[in-house]
Amino acid sequence: MFGDSFFQKVEKKTNVNKDTIISLASKLQKSDMKDEKVLKDLVQEIGAITGKEVSNEKQEKIVNAILKDNVPKDIDKMF
């Protein structure tokens, strides 16, 4: 679905390698994306993987955006 150039862009921006991204994507596919606790745990995990601290306020905004289906459909445009 995504080519190597996509993974290279993500890795350059986040310092997260392709294997970690694929592993996380697999976990996301198996998760209940409408469960607030699951989403909060995933946001914290992604923050830890990328070395970014996610404040409670930012975490709430991210979780609410996901729950309200307010997430961009074209992920490639995010990078």
N, C-alpha and C. Protein backbone atom coordinates (compact mmCIF):
# COMPACT_ATOMS: atom_id res chain seq x y z
N MET A 1 0.82 -1.19 0.00
CA MET A 1 0.00 0.00 0.00
C MET A 1 0.87 1.26 0.00
N PHE A 2 1.86 1.32 0.90
CA PHE A 2 2.76 2.46 0.95
C PHE A 2 4.12 2.04 0.41
N GLY A 3 4.73 2.92 -0.37
CA GLY A 3 6.03 2.63 -0.93
C GLY A 3 7.15 3.01 0.03
N ASP A 4 8.34 2.65 -0.35
CA ASP A 4 9.50 2.96 0.48
C ASP A 4 9.66 4.46 0.68
N SER A 5 9.28 5.27 -0.30
CA SER A 5 9.43 6.72 -0.15
C SER A 5 8.56 7.25 1.00
N PHE A 6 7.38 6.66 1.18
CA PHE A 6 6.52 7.05 2.30
C PHE A 6 7.22 6.75 3.62
N PHE A 7 7.75 5.54 3.75
CA PHE A 7 8.42 5.15 4.99
C PHE A 7 9.67 5.99 5.23
N GLN A 8 10.37 6.35 4.17
CA GLN A 8 11.54 7.20 4.31
C GLN A 8 11.16 8.59 4.81
N LYS A 9 10.05 9.13 4.31
CA LYS A 9 9.57 10.43 4.79
C LYS A 9 9.22 10.37 6.27
N VAL A 10 8.49 9.32 6.64
CA VAL A 10 8.08 9.17 8.04
C VAL A 10 9.30 8.99 8.92
N GLU A 11 10.24 8.14 8.50
CA GLU A 11 11.43 7.89 9.31
C GLU A 11 12.26 9.17 9.47
N LYS A 12 12.38 9.94 8.40
CA LYS A 12 13.15 11.18 8.46
C LYS A 12 12.51 12.17 9.45
N LYS A 13 11.19 12.24 9.42
CA LYS A 13 10.48 13.20 10.27
C LYS A 13 10.38 12.74 11.73
N THR A 14 10.28 11.42 11.95
CA THR A 14 10.00 10.91 13.29
C THR A 14 11.14 10.10 13.91
N ASN A 15 12.12 9.71 13.12
CA ASN A 15 13.20 8.81 13.58
C ASN A 15 12.66 7.44 14.00
N VAL A 16 11.56 7.02 13.40
CA VAL A 16 10.96 5.71 13.67
C VAL A 16 11.14 4.87 12.41
N ASN A 17 11.73 3.67 12.56
CA ASN A 17 12.03 2.86 11.37
C ASN A 17 10.80 2.11 10.85
N LYS A 18 10.94 1.60 9.65
CA LYS A 18 9.85 0.95 8.93
C LYS A 18 9.28 -0.23 9.72
N ASP A 19 10.12 -1.05 10.33
CA ASP A 19 9.64 -2.21 11.08
C ASP A 19 8.77 -1.80 12.26
N THR A 20 9.16 -0.74 12.94
CA THR A 20 8.37 -0.24 14.07
C THR A 20 7.03 0.28 13.58
N ILE A 21 7.03 0.97 12.46
CA ILE A 21 5.80 1.51 11.88
C ILE A 21 4.85 0.37 11.52
N ILE A 22 5.38 -0.65 10.87
CA ILE A 22 4.55 -1.80 10.47
C ILE A 22 4.01 -2.53 11.69
N SER A 23 4.84 -2.69 12.70
CA SER A 23 4.39 -3.34 13.94
C SER A 23 3.27 -2.53 14.60
N LEU A 24 3.43 -1.22 14.64
CA LEU A 24 2.40 -0.36 15.23
C LEU A 24 1.12 -0.41 14.40
N ALA A 25 1.25 -0.41 13.08
CA ALA A 25 0.07 -0.48 12.21
C ALA A 25 -0.69 -1.78 12.45
N SER A 26 0.04 -2.86 12.63
CA SER A 26 -0.60 -4.15 12.91
C SER A 26 -1.38 -4.09 14.22
N LYS A 27 -0.77 -3.46 15.23
CA LYS A 27 -1.44 -3.31 16.52
C LYS A 27 -2.70 -2.44 16.38
N LEU A 28 -2.60 -1.39 15.58
CA LEU A 28 -3.75 -0.51 15.37
C LEU A 28 -4.91 -1.26 14.71
N GLN A 29 -4.59 -2.12 13.76
CA GLN A 29 -5.63 -2.88 13.08
C GLN A 29 -6.39 -3.79 14.03
N LYS A 30 -5.72 -4.26 15.06
CA LYS A 30 -6.33 -5.21 16.01
C LYS A 30 -7.00 -4.50 17.18
N SER A 31 -6.88 -3.18 17.24
CA SER A 31 -7.40 -2.41 18.38
C SER A 31 -8.79 -1.87 18.11
N ASP A 32 -9.53 -1.67 19.20
CA ASP A 32 -10.85 -1.05 19.13
C ASP A 32 -10.65 0.46 19.12
N MET A 33 -10.75 1.06 17.96
CA MET A 33 -10.47 2.48 17.81
C MET A 33 -11.61 3.38 18.30
N LYS A 34 -12.60 2.79 18.92
CA LYS A 34 -13.68 3.57 19.53
C LYS A 34 -13.63 3.47 21.05
N ASP A 35 -12.60 2.81 21.58
CA ASP A 35 -12.41 2.66 23.02
C ASP A 35 -11.42 3.74 23.48
N GLU A 36 -11.90 4.67 24.30
CA GLU A 36 -11.09 5.81 24.71
C GLU A 36 -9.80 5.39 25.43
N LYS A 37 -9.87 4.38 26.28
CA LYS A 37 -8.67 3.91 26.99
C LYS A 37 -7.65 3.34 26.02
N VAL A 38 -8.10 2.55 25.07
CA VAL A 38 -7.20 1.98 24.06
C VAL A 38 -6.53 3.12 23.28
N LEU A 39 -7.30 4.12 22.89
CA LEU A 39 -6.75 5.24 22.14
C LEU A 39 -5.71 6.01 22.96
N LYS A 40 -6.00 6.25 24.23
CA LYS A 40 -5.05 6.96 25.08
C LYS A 40 -3.75 6.17 25.22
N ASP A 41 -3.87 4.87 25.39
CA ASP A 41 -2.68 4.02 25.48
C ASP A 41 -1.86 4.08 24.19
N LEU A 42 -2.54 4.05 23.05
CA LEU A 42 -1.85 4.12 21.76
C LEU A 42 -1.16 5.47 21.56
N VAL A 43 -1.82 6.54 21.95
CA VAL A 43 -1.22 7.88 21.82
C VAL A 43 0.05 7.94 22.67
N GLN A 44 -0.01 7.42 23.89
CA GLN A 44 1.18 7.42 24.75
C GLN A 44 2.29 6.55 24.16
N GLU A 45 1.93 5.41 23.60
CA GLU A 45 2.91 4.52 23.00
C GLU A 45 3.59 5.20 21.80
N ILE A 46 2.79 5.84 20.97
CA ILE A 46 3.35 6.54 19.81
C ILE A 46 4.26 7.67 20.27
N GLY A 47 3.85 8.38 21.30
CA GLY A 47 4.70 9.44 21.86
C GLY A 47 6.03 8.89 22.35
N ALA A 48 5.98 7.75 23.03
CA ALA A 48 7.21 7.12 23.53
C ALA A 48 8.10 6.67 22.38
N ILE A 49 7.50 6.08 21.36
CA ILE A 49 8.27 5.60 20.20
C ILE A 49 8.98 6.75 19.50
N THR A 50 8.29 7.88 19.39
CA THR A 50 8.85 9.02 18.66
C THR A 50 9.66 9.95 19.56
N GLY A 51 9.65 9.68 20.86
CA GLY A 51 10.40 10.53 21.79
C GLY A 51 9.73 11.87 22.04
N LYS A 52 8.43 11.93 21.81
CA LYS A 52 7.68 13.17 22.02
C LYS A 52 6.79 13.02 23.25
N GLU A 53 6.81 14.02 24.11
CA GLU A 53 5.93 14.01 25.26
C GLU A 53 4.56 14.51 24.82
N VAL A 54 3.52 13.80 25.21
CA VAL A 54 2.15 14.17 24.84
C VAL A 54 1.43 14.61 26.11
N SER A 55 1.11 15.89 26.17
CA SER A 55 0.41 16.41 27.34
C SER A 55 -0.99 15.82 27.41
N ASN A 56 -1.59 15.88 28.59
CA ASN A 56 -2.96 15.38 28.75
C ASN A 56 -3.92 16.13 27.83
N GLU A 57 -3.71 17.43 27.69
CA GLU A 57 -4.58 18.24 26.83
C GLU A 57 -4.47 17.80 25.37
N LYS A 58 -3.24 17.61 24.90
CA LYS A 58 -3.03 17.18 23.52
C LYS A 58 -3.58 15.77 23.32
N GLN A 59 -3.39 14.90 24.31
CA GLN A 59 -3.91 13.54 24.24
C GLN A 59 -5.43 13.56 24.09
N GLU A 60 -6.09 14.39 24.86
CA GLU A 60 -7.55 14.50 24.78
C GLU A 60 -7.99 14.98 23.40
N LYS A 61 -7.28 15.95 22.83
CA LYS A 61 -7.61 16.46 21.50
C LYS A 61 -7.47 15.37 20.44
N ILE A 62 -6.40 14.60 20.54
CA ILE A 62 -6.16 13.52 19.58
C ILE A 62 -7.24 12.46 19.70
N VAL A 63 -7.51 12.02 20.92
CA VAL A 63 -8.52 10.98 21.16
C VAL A 63 -9.89 11.46 20.68
N ASN A 64 -10.25 12.68 21.00
CA ASN A 64 -11.55 13.21 20.58
C ASN A 64 -11.65 13.31 19.06
N ALA A 65 -10.56 13.70 18.41
CA ALA A 65 -10.57 13.78 16.95
C ALA A 65 -10.80 12.40 16.34
N ILE A 66 -10.16 11.39 16.91
CA ILE A 66 -10.34 10.03 16.40
C ILE A 66 -11.77 9.55 16.66
N LEU A 67 -12.27 9.77 17.86
CA LEU A 67 -13.62 9.32 18.21
C LEU A 67 -14.68 10.01 17.36
N LYS A 68 -14.43 11.25 16.98
CA LYS A 68 -15.39 12.00 16.15
C LYS A 68 -15.11 11.83 14.67
N ASP A 69 -14.18 10.93 14.34
CA ASP A 69 -13.80 10.65 12.95
C ASP A 69 -13.35 11.93 12.23
N ASN A 70 -12.55 12.72 12.93
CA ASN A 70 -12.04 13.98 12.42
C ASN A 70 -10.57 13.87 12.02
N VAL A 71 -10.18 12.72 11.49
CA VAL A 71 -8.79 12.45 11.12
C VAL A 71 -8.66 12.53 9.61
N PRO A 72 -7.59 13.16 9.11
CA PRO A 72 -7.41 13.24 7.65
C PRO A 72 -7.41 11.85 7.01
N LYS A 73 -8.07 11.73 5.88
CA LYS A 73 -8.16 10.44 5.18
C LYS A 73 -6.90 10.13 4.38
N ASP A 74 -6.18 11.17 3.95
CA ASP A 74 -4.98 10.99 3.14
C ASP A 74 -3.75 11.19 4.03
N ILE A 75 -3.29 10.12 4.63
CA ILE A 75 -2.18 10.18 5.57
C ILE A 75 -0.91 10.73 4.93
N ASP A 76 -0.69 10.40 3.66
CA ASP A 76 0.53 10.84 2.98
C ASP A 76 0.66 12.35 2.97
N LYS A 77 -0.45 13.07 2.98
CA LYS A 77 -0.40 14.54 2.97
C LYS A 77 0.03 15.11 4.32
N MET A 78 0.01 14.27 5.36
CA MET A 78 0.42 14.72 6.68
C MET A 78 1.92 14.89 6.78
N PHE A 79 2.68 14.28 5.86
CA PHE A 79 4.14 14.28 5.94
C PHE A 79 4.76 15.08 4.86
